[in-house]
Amino acid sequence: MKVIVDTMNALHTTGVLPPEMAGLDVGGLVDHMARGRWAHNQVLLICDGSLPPGQRAISRGGISTVYAGAGREADDLIEELIDRSTSPTHLLVVSSDRRIIKAARRRRCHTMAADAFLRSLKHDQERAHQKASPRNDRSKPLGRVSRKAAEEWKSRFGLTADDMAEFEAMAKDATPTPAPPPEVEKPKPSPTKRSNATQPFPDALIAEAMRLLEDDVS
């Protein structure tokens, strides 16, 4: 599966990650993804603005970061990549932004909300912790996830029998009362920031993003 992540939308979603994972930056997000199920996918994290001076774009395996450019928003670049995709039905777009979801569904892309994405990172870390601590009580559920979500992740990410057994245990523990939706903290807009949405993205940027998205994980 090819995956595009609305990075800031995910990083500003609160109320999902445990305290030890809260406050992730782009590098931390990449690290957690590379240690779990997302490492088996080709993932492109799209970020607002330009890469901070003196820093290099972070990349681990099939997970890469791309910045939209000075004065540009990730949303604009994500929409451009969705529109240019030659196989949109094989593309998963991670975002809770209505504009992005609408653009993805228009081209029949798969979509995943930011809170569901963060829960997958949380579950991966908890599973890794249990494997490192074999004496822990494995009957204790690692978290809560619906049966529908478990089946969806099975089909999208090719989860193993062990993965599904874990998710089924979580589903049995789930209560029928839905949890309140996580809050999404929107960063305050800078008064000096000006959008260049009317200007086309450089061909080199689009070509590089498409190359990273299409490259083989192996």
N, C-alpha and C. Protein backbone atom coordinates (compact mmCIF):
# COMPACT_ATOMS: atom_id res chain seq x y z
N MET A 1 0.84 -1.20 0.00
CA MET A 1 0.00 0.00 0.00
C MET A 1 0.88 1.25 0.00
N LYS A 2 0.53 2.22 -0.84
CA LYS A 2 1.20 3.51 -0.85
C LYS A 2 0.44 4.43 0.11
N VAL A 3 1.17 5.13 0.96
CA VAL A 3 0.54 5.91 2.02
C VAL A 3 1.02 7.37 2.00
N ILE A 4 0.07 8.30 2.09
CA ILE A 4 0.39 9.72 2.24
C ILE A 4 -0.15 10.17 3.59
N VAL A 5 0.70 10.77 4.41
CA VAL A 5 0.31 11.22 5.75
C VAL A 5 0.30 12.74 5.81
N ASP A 6 -0.81 13.29 6.27
CA ASP A 6 -0.92 14.72 6.56
C ASP A 6 -0.24 14.92 7.91
N THR A 7 1.05 15.20 7.88
CA THR A 7 1.90 15.11 9.07
C THR A 7 1.45 16.00 10.22
N MET A 8 1.24 17.28 9.96
CA MET A 8 0.87 18.18 11.05
C MET A 8 -0.51 17.85 11.61
N ASN A 9 -1.41 17.38 10.75
CA ASN A 9 -2.73 16.98 11.21
C ASN A 9 -2.61 15.84 12.22
N ALA A 10 -1.72 14.90 11.93
CA ALA A 10 -1.51 13.78 12.85
C ALA A 10 -0.83 14.23 14.14
N LEU A 11 0.21 15.06 14.00
CA LEU A 11 0.97 15.48 15.18
C LEU A 11 0.17 16.38 16.12
N HIS A 12 -0.85 17.05 15.60
CA HIS A 12 -1.66 17.93 16.43
C HIS A 12 -2.95 17.28 16.90
N THR A 13 -3.07 15.97 16.70
CA THR A 13 -4.23 15.23 17.23
C THR A 13 -3.88 14.76 18.64
N THR A 14 -4.68 15.17 19.61
CA THR A 14 -4.38 14.86 21.02
C THR A 14 -5.39 13.86 21.58
N GLY A 15 -5.04 13.33 22.76
CA GLY A 15 -5.95 12.44 23.46
C GLY A 15 -5.89 10.99 23.01
N VAL A 16 -4.89 10.63 22.23
CA VAL A 16 -4.78 9.26 21.73
C VAL A 16 -3.54 8.56 22.28
N LEU A 17 -2.39 9.18 22.13
CA LEU A 17 -1.13 8.56 22.53
C LEU A 17 -0.94 8.62 24.05
N PRO A 18 -0.26 7.60 24.61
CA PRO A 18 0.05 7.63 26.04
C PRO A 18 1.10 8.70 26.33
N PRO A 19 1.26 9.10 27.59
CA PRO A 19 2.19 10.18 27.94
C PRO A 19 3.60 10.00 27.39
N GLU A 20 4.09 8.74 27.39
CA GLU A 20 5.46 8.52 26.94
C GLU A 20 5.63 8.70 25.44
N MET A 21 4.51 8.75 24.69
CA MET A 21 4.59 8.95 23.25
C MET A 21 4.09 10.33 22.82
N ALA A 22 3.48 11.04 23.75
CA ALA A 22 2.88 12.34 23.41
C ALA A 22 3.97 13.36 23.06
N GLY A 23 3.60 14.35 22.26
CA GLY A 23 4.53 15.41 21.91
C GLY A 23 5.54 15.02 20.86
N LEU A 24 5.19 14.08 19.99
CA LEU A 24 6.12 13.66 18.94
C LEU A 24 6.40 14.80 17.96
N ASP A 25 7.63 14.81 17.43
CA ASP A 25 7.94 15.68 16.31
C ASP A 25 8.02 14.81 15.07
N VAL A 26 8.41 15.39 13.94
CA VAL A 26 8.45 14.63 12.70
C VAL A 26 9.40 13.43 12.82
N GLY A 27 10.58 13.66 13.39
CA GLY A 27 11.55 12.58 13.54
C GLY A 27 11.03 11.46 14.42
N GLY A 28 10.37 11.81 15.51
CA GLY A 28 9.81 10.80 16.40
C GLY A 28 8.71 10.00 15.73
N LEU A 29 7.92 10.69 14.91
CA LEU A 29 6.85 10.01 14.18
C LEU A 29 7.44 8.98 13.22
N VAL A 30 8.47 9.38 12.50
CA VAL A 30 9.13 8.45 11.57
C VAL A 30 9.70 7.25 12.32
N ASP A 31 10.33 7.50 13.46
CA ASP A 31 10.94 6.41 14.24
C ASP A 31 9.89 5.38 14.67
N HIS A 32 8.75 5.86 15.18
CA HIS A 32 7.71 4.95 15.62
C HIS A 32 7.12 4.17 14.45
N MET A 33 6.94 4.83 13.33
CA MET A 33 6.40 4.14 12.16
C MET A 33 7.35 3.06 11.67
N ALA A 34 8.64 3.36 11.70
CA ALA A 34 9.64 2.42 11.20
C ALA A 34 9.77 1.18 12.07
N ARG A 35 9.28 1.24 13.32
CA ARG A 35 9.38 0.10 14.22
C ARG A 35 8.13 -0.77 14.22
N GLY A 36 7.12 -0.38 13.44
CA GLY A 36 5.87 -1.13 13.45
C GLY A 36 5.40 -1.52 12.07
N ARG A 37 4.10 -1.71 11.94
CA ARG A 37 3.50 -2.22 10.70
C ARG A 37 3.71 -1.29 9.50
N TRP A 38 3.89 0.01 9.77
CA TRP A 38 4.03 0.96 8.67
C TRP A 38 5.34 0.78 7.91
N ALA A 39 6.30 0.10 8.52
CA ALA A 39 7.58 -0.13 7.85
C ALA A 39 7.42 -1.01 6.62
N HIS A 40 6.30 -1.72 6.52
CA HIS A 40 6.07 -2.62 5.39
C HIS A 40 5.35 -1.92 4.24
N ASN A 41 5.15 -0.62 4.36
CA ASN A 41 4.46 0.15 3.33
C ASN A 41 5.37 1.26 2.81
N GLN A 42 5.01 1.81 1.66
CA GLN A 42 5.73 2.96 1.12
C GLN A 42 5.00 4.21 1.62
N VAL A 43 5.64 4.98 2.49
CA VAL A 43 4.97 6.07 3.19
C VAL A 43 5.63 7.41 2.89
N LEU A 44 4.79 8.41 2.64
CA LEU A 44 5.27 9.77 2.39
C LEU A 44 4.61 10.70 3.40
N LEU A 45 5.42 11.30 4.27
CA LEU A 45 4.91 12.27 5.24
C LEU A 45 5.06 13.67 4.64
N ILE A 46 3.95 14.34 4.42
CA ILE A 46 3.96 15.67 3.81
C ILE A 46 3.87 16.72 4.92
N CYS A 47 4.81 17.67 4.90
CA CYS A 47 4.91 18.69 5.96
C CYS A 47 4.71 20.08 5.38
N ASP A 48 4.21 20.98 6.23
CA ASP A 48 4.04 22.38 5.84
C ASP A 48 5.39 23.07 5.68
N GLY A 49 5.43 24.09 4.83
CA GLY A 49 6.59 24.97 4.75
C GLY A 49 7.85 24.31 4.24
N SER A 50 8.98 24.89 4.68
CA SER A 50 10.29 24.40 4.22
C SER A 50 11.01 23.64 5.32
N LEU A 51 11.94 22.82 4.93
CA LEU A 51 12.77 22.10 5.88
C LEU A 51 13.56 23.11 6.70
N PRO A 52 13.57 22.97 8.04
CA PRO A 52 14.32 23.90 8.88
C PRO A 52 15.79 23.99 8.46
N PRO A 53 16.38 25.19 8.51
CA PRO A 53 17.79 25.36 8.11
C PRO A 53 18.71 24.43 8.87
N GLY A 54 19.65 23.85 8.15
CA GLY A 54 20.63 22.97 8.77
C GLY A 54 20.15 21.55 8.99
N GLN A 55 18.90 21.25 8.64
CA GLN A 55 18.38 19.90 8.82
C GLN A 55 18.21 19.21 7.47
N ARG A 56 18.25 17.88 7.51
CA ARG A 56 18.05 17.08 6.30
C ARG A 56 16.72 16.36 6.40
N ALA A 57 16.10 16.13 5.26
CA ALA A 57 14.83 15.40 5.24
C ALA A 57 15.05 14.01 5.84
N ILE A 58 14.15 13.61 6.72
CA ILE A 58 14.26 12.33 7.42
C ILE A 58 13.70 11.22 6.55
N SER A 59 14.43 10.12 6.49
CA SER A 59 13.99 8.98 5.70
C SER A 59 14.49 7.70 6.37
N ARG A 60 13.58 6.72 6.51
CA ARG A 60 13.95 5.42 7.06
C ARG A 60 13.24 4.34 6.28
N GLY A 61 14.00 3.54 5.56
CA GLY A 61 13.39 2.49 4.76
C GLY A 61 12.47 3.10 3.71
N GLY A 62 11.22 2.65 3.71
CA GLY A 62 10.25 3.17 2.76
C GLY A 62 9.50 4.38 3.25
N ILE A 63 9.91 4.95 4.40
CA ILE A 63 9.23 6.11 4.99
C ILE A 63 10.06 7.36 4.72
N SER A 64 9.47 8.34 4.06
CA SER A 64 10.18 9.56 3.68
C SER A 64 9.37 10.80 4.04
N THR A 65 10.06 11.92 4.18
CA THR A 65 9.40 13.19 4.47
C THR A 65 9.63 14.16 3.31
N VAL A 66 8.59 14.92 2.99
CA VAL A 66 8.66 15.92 1.94
C VAL A 66 8.01 17.20 2.46
N TYR A 67 8.67 18.34 2.25
CA TYR A 67 8.14 19.63 2.67
C TYR A 67 7.54 20.37 1.47
N ALA A 68 6.41 21.03 1.72
CA ALA A 68 5.66 21.68 0.64
C ALA A 68 6.38 22.88 0.05
N GLY A 69 7.26 23.50 0.84
CA GLY A 69 7.99 24.67 0.36
C GLY A 69 7.61 25.93 1.10
N ALA A 70 8.42 26.96 0.97
CA ALA A 70 8.21 28.22 1.69
C ALA A 70 6.83 28.79 1.40
N GLY A 71 6.08 29.08 2.48
CA GLY A 71 4.76 29.66 2.34
C GLY A 71 3.70 28.72 1.82
N ARG A 72 4.02 27.44 1.71
CA ARG A 72 3.05 26.48 1.18
C ARG A 72 2.56 25.53 2.26
N GLU A 73 1.34 25.09 2.12
CA GLU A 73 0.75 24.16 3.08
C GLU A 73 0.78 22.73 2.55
N ALA A 74 0.90 21.79 3.47
CA ALA A 74 0.93 20.37 3.10
C ALA A 74 -0.34 19.98 2.36
N ASP A 75 -1.47 20.56 2.77
CA ASP A 75 -2.75 20.20 2.14
C ASP A 75 -2.71 20.38 0.63
N ASP A 76 -2.10 21.49 0.19
CA ASP A 76 -2.04 21.76 -1.25
C ASP A 76 -1.24 20.69 -1.98
N LEU A 77 -0.10 20.30 -1.39
CA LEU A 77 0.75 19.29 -2.03
C LEU A 77 0.08 17.92 -2.00
N ILE A 78 -0.59 17.60 -0.90
CA ILE A 78 -1.28 16.31 -0.80
C ILE A 78 -2.36 16.21 -1.89
N GLU A 79 -3.12 17.27 -2.06
CA GLU A 79 -4.15 17.27 -3.10
C GLU A 79 -3.53 17.09 -4.49
N GLU A 80 -2.41 17.74 -4.71
CA GLU A 80 -1.73 17.62 -6.00
C GLU A 80 -1.28 16.18 -6.25
N LEU A 81 -0.74 15.54 -5.22
CA LEU A 81 -0.27 14.16 -5.36
C LEU A 81 -1.44 13.19 -5.57
N ILE A 82 -2.53 13.46 -4.88
CA ILE A 82 -3.73 12.63 -5.07
C ILE A 82 -4.22 12.74 -6.52
N ASP A 83 -4.27 13.96 -7.01
CA ASP A 83 -4.75 14.20 -8.38
C ASP A 83 -3.84 13.56 -9.43
N ARG A 84 -2.54 13.52 -9.14
CA ARG A 84 -1.58 13.00 -10.11
C ARG A 84 -1.34 11.50 -10.00
N SER A 85 -1.86 10.88 -8.96
CA SER A 85 -1.64 9.45 -8.77
C SER A 85 -2.20 8.65 -9.94
N THR A 86 -1.40 7.70 -10.41
CA THR A 86 -1.85 6.84 -11.51
C THR A 86 -2.58 5.60 -11.00
N SER A 87 -2.55 5.38 -9.69
CA SER A 87 -3.27 4.25 -9.10
C SER A 87 -3.89 4.67 -7.77
N PRO A 88 -4.83 5.60 -7.80
CA PRO A 88 -5.40 6.14 -6.56
C PRO A 88 -6.10 5.11 -5.69
N THR A 89 -6.62 4.03 -6.27
CA THR A 89 -7.30 3.02 -5.47
C THR A 89 -6.33 2.21 -4.62
N HIS A 90 -5.02 2.36 -4.89
CA HIS A 90 -3.99 1.69 -4.08
C HIS A 90 -3.31 2.68 -3.14
N LEU A 91 -3.92 3.84 -2.97
CA LEU A 91 -3.34 4.90 -2.15
C LEU A 91 -4.16 5.09 -0.88
N LEU A 92 -3.48 5.11 0.26
CA LEU A 92 -4.11 5.39 1.55
C LEU A 92 -3.70 6.78 1.99
N VAL A 93 -4.68 7.63 2.30
CA VAL A 93 -4.42 8.99 2.74
C VAL A 93 -4.80 9.10 4.21
N VAL A 94 -3.83 9.49 5.05
CA VAL A 94 -4.05 9.62 6.49
C VAL A 94 -4.26 11.08 6.85
N SER A 95 -5.47 11.42 7.25
CA SER A 95 -5.79 12.80 7.64
C SER A 95 -7.20 12.84 8.20
N SER A 96 -7.43 13.82 9.07
CA SER A 96 -8.79 14.09 9.55
C SER A 96 -9.30 15.41 8.99
N ASP A 97 -8.53 15.99 8.08
CA ASP A 97 -8.91 17.25 7.45
C ASP A 97 -10.00 16.98 6.40
N ARG A 98 -11.13 17.64 6.52
CA ARG A 98 -12.25 17.38 5.62
C ARG A 98 -11.90 17.64 4.16
N ARG A 99 -11.11 18.66 3.94
CA ARG A 99 -10.72 18.98 2.57
C ARG A 99 -9.92 17.84 1.94
N ILE A 100 -8.98 17.30 2.72
CA ILE A 100 -8.14 16.21 2.22
C ILE A 100 -8.96 14.94 2.01
N ILE A 101 -9.84 14.64 2.97
CA ILE A 101 -10.68 13.46 2.85
C ILE A 101 -11.56 13.54 1.61
N LYS A 102 -12.11 14.73 1.37
CA LYS A 102 -12.97 14.91 0.19
C LYS A 102 -12.18 14.69 -1.09
N ALA A 103 -10.96 15.23 -1.15
CA ALA A 103 -10.13 15.06 -2.34
C ALA A 103 -9.76 13.59 -2.55
N ALA A 104 -9.48 12.88 -1.44
CA ALA A 104 -9.10 11.46 -1.54
C ALA A 104 -10.28 10.62 -2.01
N ARG A 105 -11.45 10.86 -1.44
CA ARG A 105 -12.62 10.07 -1.81
C ARG A 105 -13.06 10.35 -3.23
N ARG A 106 -12.82 11.56 -3.70
CA ARG A 106 -13.19 11.90 -5.07
C ARG A 106 -12.45 11.00 -6.07
N ARG A 107 -11.21 10.61 -5.71
CA ARG A 107 -10.42 9.74 -6.59
C ARG A 107 -10.42 8.29 -6.09
N ARG A 108 -11.32 7.99 -5.16
CA ARG A 108 -11.49 6.63 -4.63
C ARG A 108 -10.26 6.10 -3.92
N CYS A 109 -9.53 7.00 -3.26
CA CYS A 109 -8.41 6.56 -2.41
C CYS A 109 -8.99 6.00 -1.10
N HIS A 110 -8.21 5.18 -0.42
CA HIS A 110 -8.56 4.78 0.93
C HIS A 110 -8.23 5.95 1.86
N THR A 111 -8.96 6.06 2.96
CA THR A 111 -8.68 7.12 3.94
C THR A 111 -8.62 6.52 5.34
N MET A 112 -7.84 7.16 6.19
CA MET A 112 -7.75 6.79 7.60
C MET A 112 -7.65 8.06 8.42
N ALA A 113 -8.47 8.17 9.46
CA ALA A 113 -8.44 9.34 10.32
C ALA A 113 -7.14 9.38 11.12
N ALA A 114 -6.73 10.59 11.50
CA ALA A 114 -5.47 10.76 12.22
C ALA A 114 -5.46 10.01 13.54
N ASP A 115 -6.59 9.98 14.26
CA ASP A 115 -6.61 9.29 15.55
C ASP A 115 -6.46 7.78 15.38
N ALA A 116 -7.04 7.20 14.31
CA ALA A 116 -6.87 5.78 14.05
C ALA A 116 -5.42 5.46 13.72
N PHE A 117 -4.79 6.34 12.98
CA PHE A 117 -3.37 6.20 12.64
C PHE A 117 -2.51 6.20 13.89
N LEU A 118 -2.77 7.14 14.79
CA LEU A 118 -1.99 7.21 16.03
C LEU A 118 -2.23 5.98 16.91
N ARG A 119 -3.47 5.47 16.91
CA ARG A 119 -3.74 4.26 17.69
C ARG A 119 -2.92 3.08 17.16
N SER A 120 -2.71 3.03 15.85
CA SER A 120 -1.90 1.94 15.30
C SER A 120 -0.47 2.02 15.81
N LEU A 121 0.07 3.24 15.95
CA LEU A 121 1.41 3.41 16.51
C LEU A 121 1.46 2.97 17.97
N LYS A 122 0.41 3.34 18.69
CA LYS A 122 0.31 2.97 20.10
C LYS A 122 0.27 1.45 20.26
N HIS A 123 -0.55 0.78 19.45
CA HIS A 123 -0.66 -0.67 19.54
C HIS A 123 0.66 -1.35 19.18
N ASP A 124 1.35 -0.82 18.18
CA ASP A 124 2.63 -1.40 17.78
C ASP A 124 3.64 -1.31 18.92
N GLN A 125 3.67 -0.17 19.61
CA GLN A 125 4.62 -0.01 20.72
C GLN A 125 4.27 -0.95 21.86
N GLU A 126 2.97 -1.07 22.17
CA GLU A 126 2.56 -1.94 23.27
C GLU A 126 2.88 -3.40 22.96
N ARG A 127 2.68 -3.79 21.70
CA ARG A 127 2.99 -5.16 21.30
C ARG A 127 4.48 -5.43 21.40
N ALA A 128 5.30 -4.46 20.98
CA ALA A 128 6.75 -4.62 21.07
C ALA A 128 7.19 -4.73 22.53
N HIS A 129 6.54 -3.97 23.40
CA HIS A 129 6.87 -4.01 24.82
C HIS A 129 6.52 -5.37 25.41
N GLN A 130 5.39 -5.92 25.00
CA GLN A 130 5.00 -7.24 25.52
C GLN A 130 5.97 -8.32 25.05
N LYS A 131 6.41 -8.23 23.81
CA LYS A 131 7.35 -9.23 23.30
C LYS A 131 8.67 -9.16 24.04
N ALA A 132 9.04 -7.94 24.47
CA ALA A 132 10.29 -7.77 25.22
C ALA A 132 10.14 -8.17 26.67
N SER A 133 8.90 -8.34 27.15
CA SER A 133 8.64 -8.70 28.54
C SER A 133 7.75 -9.94 28.57
N PRO A 134 8.31 -11.12 28.29
CA PRO A 134 7.50 -12.35 28.18
C PRO A 134 6.81 -12.76 29.45
N ARG A 135 7.24 -12.26 30.60
CA ARG A 135 6.63 -12.67 31.86
C ARG A 135 5.39 -11.87 32.18
N ASN A 136 5.14 -10.82 31.42
CA ASN A 136 3.95 -10.03 31.66
C ASN A 136 2.70 -10.86 31.39
N ASP A 137 1.60 -10.48 31.99
CA ASP A 137 0.32 -11.17 31.79
C ASP A 137 -0.21 -10.84 30.41
N ARG A 138 -0.13 -11.78 29.49
CA ARG A 138 -0.56 -11.54 28.11
C ARG A 138 -2.08 -11.55 27.96
N SER A 139 -2.79 -11.93 29.04
CA SER A 139 -4.25 -11.91 28.95
C SER A 139 -4.79 -10.49 29.09
N LYS A 140 -3.95 -9.58 29.55
CA LYS A 140 -4.39 -8.20 29.71
C LYS A 140 -4.45 -7.53 28.35
N PRO A 141 -5.59 -6.93 27.99
CA PRO A 141 -5.71 -6.28 26.68
C PRO A 141 -4.79 -5.09 26.57
N LEU A 142 -4.25 -4.90 25.37
CA LEU A 142 -3.33 -3.79 25.13
C LEU A 142 -4.04 -2.48 24.89
N GLY A 143 -5.31 -2.54 24.56
CA GLY A 143 -6.04 -1.31 24.25
C GLY A 143 -7.40 -1.68 23.72
N ARG A 144 -8.07 -0.73 23.09
CA ARG A 144 -9.39 -1.00 22.58
C ARG A 144 -9.46 -0.64 21.11
N VAL A 145 -10.03 -1.54 20.34
CA VAL A 145 -10.21 -1.28 18.92
C VAL A 145 -11.43 -2.07 18.48
N SER A 146 -12.24 -1.52 17.61
CA SER A 146 -13.46 -2.19 17.18
C SER A 146 -13.15 -3.35 16.24
N ARG A 147 -14.08 -4.29 16.13
CA ARG A 147 -13.91 -5.40 15.20
C ARG A 147 -13.81 -4.89 13.77
N LYS A 148 -14.60 -3.86 13.47
CA LYS A 148 -14.57 -3.29 12.12
C LYS A 148 -13.19 -2.76 11.79
N ALA A 149 -12.56 -2.06 12.76
CA ALA A 149 -11.22 -1.51 12.53
C ALA A 149 -10.21 -2.62 12.36
N ALA A 150 -10.35 -3.71 13.15
CA ALA A 150 -9.41 -4.83 13.05
C ALA A 150 -9.47 -5.45 11.67
N GLU A 151 -10.69 -5.68 11.16
CA GLU A 151 -10.83 -6.28 9.84
C GLU A 151 -10.31 -5.35 8.75
N GLU A 152 -10.53 -4.04 8.96
CA GLU A 152 -10.06 -3.05 7.98
C GLU A 152 -8.54 -3.06 7.92
N TRP A 153 -7.89 -3.10 9.08
CA TRP A 153 -6.43 -3.11 9.10
C TRP A 153 -5.89 -4.42 8.53
N LYS A 154 -6.61 -5.53 8.75
CA LYS A 154 -6.17 -6.81 8.21
C LYS A 154 -6.10 -6.76 6.69
N SER A 155 -7.13 -6.20 6.06
CA SER A 155 -7.18 -6.16 4.60
C SER A 155 -6.21 -5.15 4.03
N ARG A 156 -6.02 -4.04 4.73
CA ARG A 156 -5.17 -2.98 4.20
C ARG A 156 -3.68 -3.25 4.38
N PHE A 157 -3.33 -3.85 5.52
CA PHE A 157 -1.91 -3.94 5.86
C PHE A 157 -1.39 -5.37 5.90
N GLY A 158 -2.20 -6.34 5.53
CA GLY A 158 -1.73 -7.72 5.48
C GLY A 158 -1.25 -8.23 6.82
N LEU A 159 -2.06 -7.99 7.86
CA LEU A 159 -1.65 -8.38 9.20
C LEU A 159 -1.59 -9.90 9.34
N THR A 160 -0.72 -10.36 10.23
CA THR A 160 -0.55 -11.79 10.46
C THR A 160 -1.63 -12.33 11.39
N ALA A 161 -1.64 -13.64 11.56
CA ALA A 161 -2.59 -14.27 12.47
C ALA A 161 -2.39 -13.78 13.89
N ASP A 162 -1.13 -13.58 14.29
CA ASP A 162 -0.84 -13.06 15.63
C ASP A 162 -1.39 -11.66 15.80
N ASP A 163 -1.23 -10.83 14.76
CA ASP A 163 -1.77 -9.48 14.81
C ASP A 163 -3.28 -9.51 15.03
N MET A 164 -3.96 -10.38 14.25
CA MET A 164 -5.40 -10.43 14.33
C MET A 164 -5.87 -10.98 15.68
N ALA A 165 -5.14 -11.93 16.24
CA ALA A 165 -5.49 -12.46 17.55
C ALA A 165 -5.44 -11.36 18.60
N GLU A 166 -4.43 -10.50 18.46
CA GLU A 166 -4.30 -9.38 19.39
C GLU A 166 -5.46 -8.41 19.23
N PHE A 167 -5.80 -8.09 17.98
CA PHE A 167 -6.89 -7.16 17.75
C PHE A 167 -8.24 -7.73 18.21
N GLU A 168 -8.44 -9.05 18.04
CA GLU A 168 -9.68 -9.66 18.47
C GLU A 168 -9.82 -9.58 19.99
N ALA A 169 -8.70 -9.74 20.69
CA ALA A 169 -8.73 -9.62 22.15
C ALA A 169 -9.11 -8.21 22.56
N MET A 170 -8.60 -7.22 21.84
CA MET A 170 -8.95 -5.83 22.13
C MET A 170 -10.44 -5.60 21.88
N ALA A 171 -10.95 -6.19 20.78
CA ALA A 171 -12.34 -5.98 20.41
C ALA A 171 -13.28 -6.55 21.47
N LYS A 172 -12.93 -7.72 22.04
CA LYS A 172 -13.77 -8.32 23.07
C LYS A 172 -13.84 -7.45 24.30
N ASP A 173 -12.77 -6.71 24.57
CA ASP A 173 -12.72 -5.86 25.75
C ASP A 173 -13.41 -4.53 25.54
N ALA A 174 -13.73 -4.20 24.30
CA ALA A 174 -14.30 -2.89 23.99
C ALA A 174 -15.70 -2.77 24.56
N THR A 175 -16.04 -1.59 25.03
CA THR A 175 -17.37 -1.32 25.54
C THR A 175 -18.20 -0.68 24.45
N PRO A 176 -19.55 -0.81 24.51
CA PRO A 176 -20.39 -0.24 23.46
C PRO A 176 -20.46 1.27 23.48
N THR A 177 -20.05 1.88 24.58
CA THR A 177 -20.09 3.33 24.67
C THR A 177 -18.88 3.94 23.97
N PRO A 178 -19.09 4.71 22.91
CA PRO A 178 -17.96 5.27 22.18
C PRO A 178 -17.22 6.31 23.00
N ALA A 179 -15.92 6.33 22.83
CA ALA A 179 -15.10 7.33 23.52
C ALA A 179 -15.29 8.68 22.82
N PRO A 180 -15.13 9.78 23.56
CA PRO A 180 -15.25 11.09 22.92
C PRO A 180 -14.18 11.26 21.87
N PRO A 181 -14.49 11.94 20.77
CA PRO A 181 -13.50 12.10 19.71
C PRO A 181 -12.31 12.90 20.20
N PRO A 182 -11.10 12.54 19.76
CA PRO A 182 -9.91 13.28 20.18
C PRO A 182 -9.93 14.70 19.66
N GLU A 183 -9.34 15.57 20.43
CA GLU A 183 -9.27 16.96 20.02
C GLU A 183 -8.09 17.15 19.06
N VAL A 184 -8.31 17.96 18.07
CA VAL A 184 -7.25 18.29 17.12
C VAL A 184 -6.86 19.73 17.35
N GLU A 185 -5.65 19.92 17.82
CA GLU A 185 -5.15 21.27 18.07
C GLU A 185 -4.62 21.85 16.77
N LYS A 186 -5.26 22.89 16.32
CA LYS A 186 -4.81 23.53 15.08
C LYS A 186 -3.77 24.60 15.41
N PRO A 187 -2.60 24.52 14.78
CA PRO A 187 -1.58 25.52 15.06
C PRO A 187 -2.06 26.91 14.69
N LYS A 188 -1.70 27.89 15.52
CA LYS A 188 -2.12 29.25 15.25
C LYS A 188 -1.41 29.77 14.00
N PRO A 189 -2.18 30.34 13.08
CA PRO A 189 -1.56 30.84 11.86
C PRO A 189 -0.66 32.04 12.13
N SER A 190 0.48 32.06 11.50
CA SER A 190 1.39 33.18 11.66
C SER A 190 0.91 34.36 10.83
N PRO A 191 0.89 35.57 11.40
CA PRO A 191 0.41 36.72 10.64
C PRO A 191 1.28 37.05 9.44
N THR A 192 2.53 36.52 9.46
CA THR A 192 3.43 36.84 8.34
C THR A 192 3.41 35.76 7.28
N LYS A 193 2.68 34.65 7.56
CA LYS A 193 2.66 33.56 6.61
C LYS A 193 1.70 33.86 5.47
N ARG A 194 2.18 33.75 4.26
CA ARG A 194 1.35 33.99 3.09
C ARG A 194 1.31 32.74 2.23
N SER A 195 0.10 32.34 1.85
CA SER A 195 -0.04 31.14 1.06
C SER A 195 0.27 31.41 -0.40
N ASN A 196 1.00 30.48 -1.00
CA ASN A 196 1.31 30.57 -2.43
C ASN A 196 0.49 29.55 -3.19
N ALA A 197 -0.75 29.28 -2.69
CA ALA A 197 -1.56 28.22 -3.26
C ALA A 197 -1.87 28.44 -4.73
N THR A 198 -1.86 29.70 -5.16
CA THR A 198 -2.18 29.98 -6.56
C THR A 198 -1.01 29.66 -7.48
N GLN A 199 0.18 29.49 -6.92
CA GLN A 199 1.36 29.19 -7.71
C GLN A 199 1.54 27.67 -7.84
N PRO A 200 1.87 27.17 -9.01
CA PRO A 200 2.08 25.73 -9.16
C PRO A 200 3.32 25.27 -8.40
N PHE A 201 3.29 24.04 -7.95
CA PHE A 201 4.47 23.48 -7.30
C PHE A 201 5.55 23.23 -8.34
N PRO A 202 6.81 23.38 -7.94
CA PRO A 202 7.91 23.09 -8.88
C PRO A 202 7.82 21.65 -9.39
N ASP A 203 8.08 21.47 -10.66
CA ASP A 203 8.03 20.13 -11.24
C ASP A 203 8.97 19.17 -10.53
N ALA A 204 10.14 19.70 -10.10
CA ALA A 204 11.13 18.84 -9.43
C ALA A 204 10.59 18.30 -8.11
N LEU A 205 9.84 19.14 -7.38
CA LEU A 205 9.28 18.71 -6.10
C LEU A 205 8.24 17.61 -6.32
N ILE A 206 7.35 17.81 -7.29
CA ILE A 206 6.33 16.81 -7.57
C ILE A 206 6.97 15.49 -8.03
N ALA A 207 7.96 15.61 -8.91
CA ALA A 207 8.63 14.41 -9.42
C ALA A 207 9.31 13.63 -8.30
N GLU A 208 9.97 14.34 -7.38
CA GLU A 208 10.65 13.68 -6.27
C GLU A 208 9.64 13.01 -5.34
N ALA A 209 8.54 13.70 -5.04
CA ALA A 209 7.52 13.13 -4.17
C ALA A 209 6.91 11.88 -4.79
N MET A 210 6.62 11.93 -6.08
CA MET A 210 6.04 10.78 -6.76
C MET A 210 7.04 9.62 -6.81
N ARG A 211 8.32 9.92 -6.98
CA ARG A 211 9.36 8.89 -7.00
C ARG A 211 9.44 8.18 -5.66
N LEU A 212 9.45 8.98 -4.57
CA LEU A 212 9.53 8.40 -3.23
C LEU A 212 8.31 7.54 -2.93
N LEU A 213 7.18 7.96 -3.43
CA LEU A 213 5.94 7.22 -3.17
C LEU A 213 5.90 5.91 -3.95
N GLU A 214 6.49 5.91 -5.12
CA GLU A 214 6.43 4.73 -5.99
C GLU A 214 7.60 3.78 -5.80
N ASP A 215 8.68 4.23 -5.16
CA ASP A 215 9.84 3.36 -4.97
C ASP A 215 9.46 2.13 -4.17
N ASP A 216 10.16 1.01 -4.44
CA ASP A 216 9.92 -0.23 -3.73
C ASP A 216 10.48 -0.14 -2.33
N VAL A 217 9.73 -0.64 -1.35
CA VAL A 217 10.23 -0.67 0.04
C VAL A 217 11.49 -1.48 0.13
N SER A 218 11.55 -2.56 -0.62
CA SER A 218 12.73 -3.43 -0.57
C SER A 218 13.92 -2.81 -1.26
